[in-house]
Amino acid sequence: MEGPETQPRTLASPGGGWWVGFAGLLGMTAVVLGAFGAHGLRDRVAPPMLEIYRTGALYHLVHAVAALVVALAADRLRWPRLVVGLFGAGIVVFSGSLYALAITSKSWLGAITPLGGVMLIAGWGVIATNLWSPRSRAT
């Protein structure tokens, strides 16, 4: 039987579970905000604004799931905390600005959205660095 000192440390390990919980929070808010958009905004915003909201919800949910995968596979990745942080910040800025744009129709919010997109792309880029120098080799 292996002791805790021989088991690989992941973001899901004791002391790292915060990151799994954070990914869960991202996923939960994606579902809540997606449902709000589908049911609460359908008759309140114009169809093009509803489509903008849906885009925010889609990216929110996809990156919440990606953050959970990263947290659970942290022992195989370089800089998993950076990735989860970039995904979390990217969701807030990218999806948050799209949610706000759809609800308020304030077009200047669209100028903020690409900053969040850059954060999401950067998170994927950090994952891609594992092609050249993986943290550990899976067998």
N, C-alpha and C. Protein backbone atom coordinates (compact mmCIF):
# COMPACT_ATOMS: atom_id res chain seq x y z
N MET A 1 0.84 -1.18 0.00
CA MET A 1 0.00 0.00 0.00
C MET A 1 0.88 1.24 0.00
N GLU A 2 0.55 2.17 -0.86
CA GLU A 2 1.35 3.38 -0.97
C GLU A 2 0.96 4.38 0.11
N GLY A 3 1.93 5.07 0.63
CA GLY A 3 1.68 6.14 1.58
C GLY A 3 1.45 7.44 0.84
N PRO A 4 0.95 8.44 1.56
CA PRO A 4 0.67 9.71 0.89
C PRO A 4 1.90 10.36 0.28
N GLU A 5 3.09 10.07 0.82
CA GLU A 5 4.30 10.69 0.29
C GLU A 5 4.72 10.10 -1.05
N THR A 6 4.18 8.93 -1.44
CA THR A 6 4.55 8.32 -2.71
C THR A 6 3.49 8.53 -3.79
N GLN A 7 2.34 9.06 -3.42
CA GLN A 7 1.30 9.29 -4.40
C GLN A 7 1.55 10.62 -5.10
N PRO A 8 1.22 10.68 -6.39
CA PRO A 8 1.43 11.93 -7.10
C PRO A 8 0.55 13.03 -6.53
N ARG A 9 1.11 14.21 -6.43
CA ARG A 9 0.36 15.36 -5.92
C ARG A 9 -0.36 16.02 -7.08
N THR A 10 -1.63 16.24 -6.93
CA THR A 10 -2.42 16.94 -7.93
C THR A 10 -3.12 18.12 -7.27
N LEU A 11 -3.76 18.91 -8.07
CA LEU A 11 -4.55 20.00 -7.50
C LEU A 11 -5.74 19.44 -6.74
N ALA A 12 -6.03 18.13 -6.92
CA ALA A 12 -7.11 17.49 -6.19
C ALA A 12 -6.63 16.89 -4.88
N SER A 13 -5.32 16.86 -4.65
CA SER A 13 -4.75 16.32 -3.42
C SER A 13 -5.06 17.23 -2.25
N PRO A 14 -4.89 16.72 -1.02
CA PRO A 14 -5.09 17.59 0.14
C PRO A 14 -4.26 18.86 -0.03
N GLY A 15 -4.89 19.96 0.19
CA GLY A 15 -4.22 21.24 -0.02
C GLY A 15 -4.39 21.75 -1.44
N GLY A 16 -4.75 20.88 -2.36
CA GLY A 16 -4.96 21.29 -3.75
C GLY A 16 -6.41 21.22 -4.16
N GLY A 17 -7.26 20.72 -3.26
CA GLY A 17 -8.68 20.56 -3.56
C GLY A 17 -9.40 21.86 -3.83
N TRP A 18 -8.80 22.96 -3.40
CA TRP A 18 -9.39 24.27 -3.65
C TRP A 18 -9.59 24.47 -5.15
N TRP A 19 -8.65 24.01 -5.94
CA TRP A 19 -8.71 24.21 -7.39
C TRP A 19 -9.84 23.39 -8.02
N VAL A 20 -10.07 22.20 -7.50
CA VAL A 20 -11.19 21.40 -7.99
C VAL A 20 -12.50 22.09 -7.60
N GLY A 21 -12.56 22.59 -6.37
CA GLY A 21 -13.74 23.33 -5.94
C GLY A 21 -13.97 24.59 -6.76
N PHE A 22 -12.88 25.27 -7.09
CA PHE A 22 -12.97 26.47 -7.93
C PHE A 22 -13.54 26.10 -9.30
N ALA A 23 -13.07 25.00 -9.88
CA ALA A 23 -13.60 24.54 -11.17
C ALA A 23 -15.08 24.19 -11.03
N GLY A 24 -15.45 23.58 -9.91
CA GLY A 24 -16.86 23.29 -9.66
C GLY A 24 -17.70 24.55 -9.58
N LEU A 25 -17.15 25.58 -8.93
CA LEU A 25 -17.86 26.86 -8.85
C LEU A 25 -18.02 27.48 -10.24
N LEU A 26 -16.98 27.41 -11.05
CA LEU A 26 -17.08 27.90 -12.42
C LEU A 26 -18.17 27.15 -13.19
N GLY A 27 -18.21 25.83 -13.04
CA GLY A 27 -19.22 25.02 -13.73
C GLY A 27 -20.62 25.34 -13.24
N MET A 28 -20.77 25.46 -11.92
CA MET A 28 -22.08 25.76 -11.34
C MET A 28 -22.60 27.11 -11.86
N THR A 29 -21.73 28.12 -11.85
CA THR A 29 -22.18 29.43 -12.31
C THR A 29 -22.48 29.42 -13.81
N ALA A 30 -21.77 28.58 -14.56
CA ALA A 30 -22.06 28.46 -16.00
C ALA A 30 -23.48 27.93 -16.21
N VAL A 31 -23.86 26.93 -15.44
CA VAL A 31 -25.20 26.35 -15.58
C VAL A 31 -26.26 27.35 -15.13
N VAL A 32 -26.03 28.00 -14.00
CA VAL A 32 -26.99 28.98 -13.49
C VAL A 32 -27.18 30.13 -14.47
N LEU A 33 -26.06 30.70 -14.95
CA LEU A 33 -26.15 31.83 -15.87
C LEU A 33 -26.69 31.40 -17.23
N GLY A 34 -26.36 30.19 -17.67
CA GLY A 34 -26.92 29.68 -18.92
C GLY A 34 -28.43 29.50 -18.83
N ALA A 35 -28.90 28.97 -17.70
CA ALA A 35 -30.34 28.81 -17.50
C ALA A 35 -31.04 30.16 -17.41
N PHE A 36 -30.40 31.11 -16.73
CA PHE A 36 -30.96 32.46 -16.66
C PHE A 36 -31.12 33.05 -18.06
N GLY A 37 -30.11 32.87 -18.90
CA GLY A 37 -30.18 33.38 -20.26
C GLY A 37 -31.28 32.70 -21.07
N ALA A 38 -31.38 31.38 -20.92
CA ALA A 38 -32.35 30.62 -21.71
C ALA A 38 -33.79 30.91 -21.28
N HIS A 39 -33.99 31.08 -19.98
CA HIS A 39 -35.36 31.22 -19.47
C HIS A 39 -35.72 32.65 -19.05
N GLY A 40 -34.76 33.37 -18.51
CA GLY A 40 -35.06 34.69 -17.99
C GLY A 40 -34.90 35.81 -19.00
N LEU A 41 -34.08 35.59 -20.01
CA LEU A 41 -33.83 36.67 -20.98
C LEU A 41 -34.54 36.48 -22.31
N ARG A 42 -35.08 35.31 -22.54
CA ARG A 42 -35.64 34.99 -23.86
C ARG A 42 -36.61 36.06 -24.36
N ASP A 43 -37.49 36.54 -23.51
CA ASP A 43 -38.48 37.53 -23.93
C ASP A 43 -38.08 38.96 -23.55
N ARG A 44 -36.87 39.15 -23.04
CA ARG A 44 -36.47 40.47 -22.56
C ARG A 44 -35.38 41.14 -23.39
N VAL A 45 -34.64 40.36 -24.17
CA VAL A 45 -33.58 40.94 -25.00
C VAL A 45 -33.79 40.52 -26.45
N ALA A 46 -33.25 41.31 -27.35
CA ALA A 46 -33.37 41.03 -28.78
C ALA A 46 -32.60 39.75 -29.12
N PRO A 47 -33.05 39.00 -30.13
CA PRO A 47 -32.37 37.76 -30.51
C PRO A 47 -30.86 37.89 -30.72
N PRO A 48 -30.35 38.95 -31.36
CA PRO A 48 -28.89 39.04 -31.50
C PRO A 48 -28.18 39.15 -30.14
N MET A 49 -28.80 39.85 -29.19
CA MET A 49 -28.21 39.96 -27.85
C MET A 49 -28.26 38.62 -27.12
N LEU A 50 -29.34 37.87 -27.33
CA LEU A 50 -29.45 36.54 -26.73
C LEU A 50 -28.36 35.62 -27.28
N GLU A 51 -28.05 35.77 -28.55
CA GLU A 51 -26.97 34.96 -29.14
C GLU A 51 -25.62 35.32 -28.54
N ILE A 52 -25.40 36.58 -28.28
CA ILE A 52 -24.17 37.02 -27.62
C ILE A 52 -24.10 36.41 -26.22
N TYR A 53 -25.20 36.42 -25.51
CA TYR A 53 -25.25 35.83 -24.17
C TYR A 53 -24.93 34.33 -24.24
N ARG A 54 -25.52 33.65 -25.22
CA ARG A 54 -25.28 32.20 -25.37
C ARG A 54 -23.79 31.92 -25.64
N THR A 55 -23.15 32.76 -26.41
CA THR A 55 -21.72 32.58 -26.67
C THR A 55 -20.94 32.67 -25.35
N GLY A 56 -21.27 33.64 -24.53
CA GLY A 56 -20.62 33.76 -23.23
C GLY A 56 -20.84 32.52 -22.38
N ALA A 57 -22.08 32.01 -22.37
CA ALA A 57 -22.40 30.83 -21.58
C ALA A 57 -21.65 29.59 -22.08
N LEU A 58 -21.54 29.46 -23.40
CA LEU A 58 -20.84 28.31 -23.97
C LEU A 58 -19.36 28.32 -23.58
N TYR A 59 -18.70 29.45 -23.77
CA TYR A 59 -17.29 29.54 -23.41
C TYR A 59 -17.08 29.38 -21.91
N HIS A 60 -18.01 29.88 -21.13
CA HIS A 60 -17.95 29.73 -19.68
C HIS A 60 -17.96 28.24 -19.31
N LEU A 61 -18.93 27.50 -19.83
CA LEU A 61 -19.06 26.09 -19.49
C LEU A 61 -17.88 25.26 -20.01
N VAL A 62 -17.47 25.50 -21.23
CA VAL A 62 -16.35 24.74 -21.81
C VAL A 62 -15.09 24.94 -20.97
N HIS A 63 -14.82 26.17 -20.56
CA HIS A 63 -13.59 26.43 -19.81
C HIS A 63 -13.71 26.03 -18.34
N ALA A 64 -14.92 25.94 -17.82
CA ALA A 64 -15.11 25.39 -16.47
C ALA A 64 -14.75 23.90 -16.48
N VAL A 65 -15.21 23.18 -17.49
CA VAL A 65 -14.87 21.76 -17.62
C VAL A 65 -13.37 21.59 -17.84
N ALA A 66 -12.80 22.43 -18.68
CA ALA A 66 -11.35 22.37 -18.92
C ALA A 66 -10.58 22.63 -17.64
N ALA A 67 -11.02 23.58 -16.82
CA ALA A 67 -10.36 23.86 -15.54
C ALA A 67 -10.43 22.65 -14.62
N LEU A 68 -11.56 21.95 -14.62
CA LEU A 68 -11.68 20.74 -13.80
C LEU A 68 -10.72 19.66 -14.27
N VAL A 69 -10.62 19.46 -15.56
CA VAL A 69 -9.70 18.46 -16.11
C VAL A 69 -8.26 18.82 -15.73
N VAL A 70 -7.90 20.07 -15.85
CA VAL A 70 -6.55 20.51 -15.49
C VAL A 70 -6.29 20.27 -14.01
N ALA A 71 -7.25 20.61 -13.16
CA ALA A 71 -7.09 20.41 -11.72
C ALA A 71 -6.90 18.93 -11.39
N LEU A 72 -7.63 18.06 -12.07
CA LEU A 72 -7.53 16.63 -11.80
C LEU A 72 -6.28 16.00 -12.40
N ALA A 73 -5.74 16.59 -13.46
CA ALA A 73 -4.55 16.04 -14.13
C ALA A 73 -3.30 16.86 -13.83
N ALA A 74 -3.32 17.61 -12.76
CA ALA A 74 -2.23 18.55 -12.47
C ALA A 74 -0.87 17.88 -12.38
N ASP A 75 -0.83 16.65 -11.93
CA ASP A 75 0.46 15.97 -11.79
C ASP A 75 1.11 15.67 -13.13
N ARG A 76 0.37 15.80 -14.21
CA ARG A 76 0.91 15.54 -15.55
C ARG A 76 1.20 16.81 -16.34
N LEU A 77 0.90 17.95 -15.75
CA LEU A 77 1.00 19.22 -16.48
C LEU A 77 1.99 20.16 -15.82
N ARG A 78 2.58 21.01 -16.65
CA ARG A 78 3.40 22.11 -16.14
C ARG A 78 2.47 23.26 -15.83
N TRP A 79 2.68 23.94 -14.75
CA TRP A 79 1.95 25.15 -14.37
C TRP A 79 0.42 25.00 -14.37
N PRO A 80 -0.13 23.96 -13.74
CA PRO A 80 -1.59 23.80 -13.75
C PRO A 80 -2.32 24.94 -13.04
N ARG A 81 -1.73 25.49 -11.98
CA ARG A 81 -2.39 26.60 -11.29
C ARG A 81 -2.50 27.83 -12.19
N LEU A 82 -1.48 28.06 -12.99
CA LEU A 82 -1.51 29.17 -13.94
C LEU A 82 -2.64 28.97 -14.95
N VAL A 83 -2.77 27.74 -15.44
CA VAL A 83 -3.82 27.44 -16.42
C VAL A 83 -5.20 27.68 -15.82
N VAL A 84 -5.44 27.14 -14.63
CA VAL A 84 -6.75 27.31 -14.00
C VAL A 84 -7.01 28.79 -13.72
N GLY A 85 -5.98 29.51 -13.29
CA GLY A 85 -6.13 30.94 -13.06
C GLY A 85 -6.46 31.71 -14.33
N LEU A 86 -5.77 31.37 -15.42
CA LEU A 86 -6.06 32.03 -16.69
C LEU A 86 -7.47 31.70 -17.19
N PHE A 87 -7.88 30.45 -17.03
CA PHE A 87 -9.24 30.09 -17.43
C PHE A 87 -10.26 30.84 -16.58
N GLY A 88 -10.03 30.90 -15.27
CA GLY A 88 -10.97 31.59 -14.40
C GLY A 88 -11.06 33.07 -14.72
N ALA A 89 -9.92 33.72 -14.88
CA ALA A 89 -9.91 35.15 -15.22
C ALA A 89 -10.51 35.37 -16.61
N GLY A 90 -10.19 34.48 -17.53
CA GLY A 90 -10.73 34.60 -18.89
C GLY A 90 -12.24 34.47 -18.91
N ILE A 91 -12.77 33.57 -18.10
CA ILE A 91 -14.23 33.42 -18.01
C ILE A 91 -14.85 34.70 -17.48
N VAL A 92 -14.28 35.25 -16.41
CA VAL A 92 -14.84 36.47 -15.83
C VAL A 92 -14.84 37.60 -16.86
N VAL A 93 -13.72 37.79 -17.55
CA VAL A 93 -13.62 38.92 -18.48
C VAL A 93 -14.35 38.64 -19.79
N PHE A 94 -14.10 37.48 -20.41
CA PHE A 94 -14.71 37.17 -21.70
C PHE A 94 -16.22 36.97 -21.56
N SER A 95 -16.60 35.96 -20.79
CA SER A 95 -18.03 35.66 -20.65
C SER A 95 -18.75 36.77 -19.91
N GLY A 96 -18.11 37.30 -18.86
CA GLY A 96 -18.75 38.38 -18.10
C GLY A 96 -19.06 39.59 -18.95
N SER A 97 -18.14 39.97 -19.82
CA SER A 97 -18.40 41.13 -20.69
C SER A 97 -19.50 40.82 -21.70
N LEU A 98 -19.57 39.57 -22.17
CA LEU A 98 -20.65 39.21 -23.09
C LEU A 98 -21.99 39.18 -22.39
N TYR A 99 -22.03 38.66 -21.16
CA TYR A 99 -23.27 38.69 -20.38
C TYR A 99 -23.74 40.13 -20.20
N ALA A 100 -22.82 40.98 -19.77
CA ALA A 100 -23.17 42.38 -19.53
C ALA A 100 -23.60 43.08 -20.82
N LEU A 101 -22.91 42.82 -21.91
CA LEU A 101 -23.25 43.41 -23.20
C LEU A 101 -24.67 43.00 -23.61
N ALA A 102 -24.98 41.73 -23.48
CA ALA A 102 -26.29 41.23 -23.89
C ALA A 102 -27.42 41.83 -23.04
N ILE A 103 -27.16 42.00 -21.76
CA ILE A 103 -28.21 42.50 -20.86
C ILE A 103 -28.38 44.01 -20.98
N THR A 104 -27.28 44.74 -21.15
CA THR A 104 -27.35 46.21 -21.14
C THR A 104 -27.33 46.84 -22.53
N SER A 105 -26.89 46.10 -23.54
CA SER A 105 -26.70 46.62 -24.90
C SER A 105 -25.69 47.76 -24.96
N LYS A 106 -24.80 47.83 -23.99
CA LYS A 106 -23.73 48.85 -23.99
C LYS A 106 -22.61 48.32 -24.88
N SER A 107 -22.48 48.87 -26.06
CA SER A 107 -21.54 48.33 -27.05
C SER A 107 -20.08 48.43 -26.62
N TRP A 108 -19.72 49.37 -25.76
CA TRP A 108 -18.34 49.51 -25.33
C TRP A 108 -17.85 48.27 -24.57
N LEU A 109 -18.77 47.49 -24.02
CA LEU A 109 -18.37 46.26 -23.33
C LEU A 109 -17.72 45.26 -24.28
N GLY A 110 -18.07 45.35 -25.56
CA GLY A 110 -17.47 44.47 -26.56
C GLY A 110 -15.97 44.68 -26.71
N ALA A 111 -15.49 45.85 -26.32
CA ALA A 111 -14.05 46.12 -26.40
C ALA A 111 -13.27 45.38 -25.32
N ILE A 112 -13.93 44.98 -24.25
CA ILE A 112 -13.28 44.25 -23.15
C ILE A 112 -13.17 42.77 -23.47
N THR A 113 -14.11 42.25 -24.20
CA THR A 113 -14.20 40.81 -24.47
C THR A 113 -12.90 40.20 -25.00
N PRO A 114 -12.22 40.81 -25.97
CA PRO A 114 -10.98 40.19 -26.48
C PRO A 114 -9.90 40.00 -25.41
N LEU A 115 -9.88 40.85 -24.39
CA LEU A 115 -8.90 40.65 -23.31
C LEU A 115 -9.13 39.32 -22.61
N GLY A 116 -10.39 39.00 -22.36
CA GLY A 116 -10.71 37.70 -21.79
C GLY A 116 -10.38 36.56 -22.73
N GLY A 117 -10.60 36.78 -24.02
CA GLY A 117 -10.25 35.77 -25.01
C GLY A 117 -8.77 35.49 -25.02
N VAL A 118 -7.97 36.52 -24.86
CA VAL A 118 -6.51 36.33 -24.80
C VAL A 118 -6.14 35.49 -23.59
N MET A 119 -6.81 35.71 -22.47
CA MET A 119 -6.53 34.90 -21.27
C MET A 119 -6.89 33.43 -21.50
N LEU A 120 -8.02 33.18 -22.14
CA LEU A 120 -8.41 31.80 -22.43
C LEU A 120 -7.40 31.15 -23.37
N ILE A 121 -7.02 31.87 -24.42
CA ILE A 121 -6.03 31.34 -25.36
C ILE A 121 -4.70 31.09 -24.65
N ALA A 122 -4.30 32.01 -23.78
CA ALA A 122 -3.04 31.82 -23.04
C ALA A 122 -3.10 30.57 -22.18
N GLY A 123 -4.25 30.29 -21.57
CA GLY A 123 -4.38 29.06 -20.78
C GLY A 123 -4.15 27.82 -21.63
N TRP A 124 -4.74 27.79 -22.82
CA TRP A 124 -4.51 26.67 -23.73
C TRP A 124 -3.05 26.63 -24.18
N GLY A 125 -2.45 27.79 -24.37
CA GLY A 125 -1.04 27.84 -24.76
C GLY A 125 -0.14 27.26 -23.69
N VAL A 126 -0.44 27.54 -22.43
CA VAL A 126 0.35 26.98 -21.33
C VAL A 126 0.21 25.46 -21.33
N ILE A 127 -0.99 24.96 -21.57
CA ILE A 127 -1.17 23.50 -21.68
C ILE A 127 -0.32 22.96 -22.83
N ALA A 128 -0.29 23.66 -23.94
CA ALA A 128 0.45 23.20 -25.12
C ALA A 128 1.95 23.11 -24.85
N THR A 129 2.47 23.86 -23.87
CA THR A 129 3.90 23.76 -23.58
C THR A 129 4.30 22.36 -23.13
N ASN A 130 3.32 21.54 -22.75
CA ASN A 130 3.62 20.17 -22.35
C ASN A 130 4.10 19.32 -23.52
N LEU A 131 3.89 19.79 -24.74
CA LEU A 131 4.41 19.07 -25.91
C LEU A 131 5.93 19.02 -25.89
N TRP A 132 6.54 20.09 -25.39
CA TRP A 132 7.99 20.19 -25.41
C TRP A 132 8.65 19.74 -24.13
N SER A 133 8.00 19.90 -23.04
CA SER A 133 8.61 19.56 -21.76
C SER A 133 7.55 19.17 -20.75
N PRO A 134 7.01 17.95 -20.87
CA PRO A 134 5.98 17.53 -19.92
C PRO A 134 6.51 17.42 -18.51
N ARG A 135 5.64 17.65 -17.55
CA ARG A 135 6.03 17.59 -16.14
C ARG A 135 6.43 16.16 -15.76
N SER A 136 5.63 15.19 -16.21
CA SER A 136 5.97 13.78 -16.00
C SER A 136 5.36 12.98 -17.13
N ARG A 137 5.93 11.88 -17.42
CA ARG A 137 5.45 11.03 -18.51
C ARG A 137 4.43 10.04 -17.98
N ALA A 138 3.25 10.01 -18.60
CA ALA A 138 2.25 9.02 -18.23
C ALA A 138 2.63 7.71 -18.89
N THR A 139 2.42 6.63 -18.18
CA THR A 139 2.72 5.32 -18.76
C THR A 139 1.50 4.52 -18.98
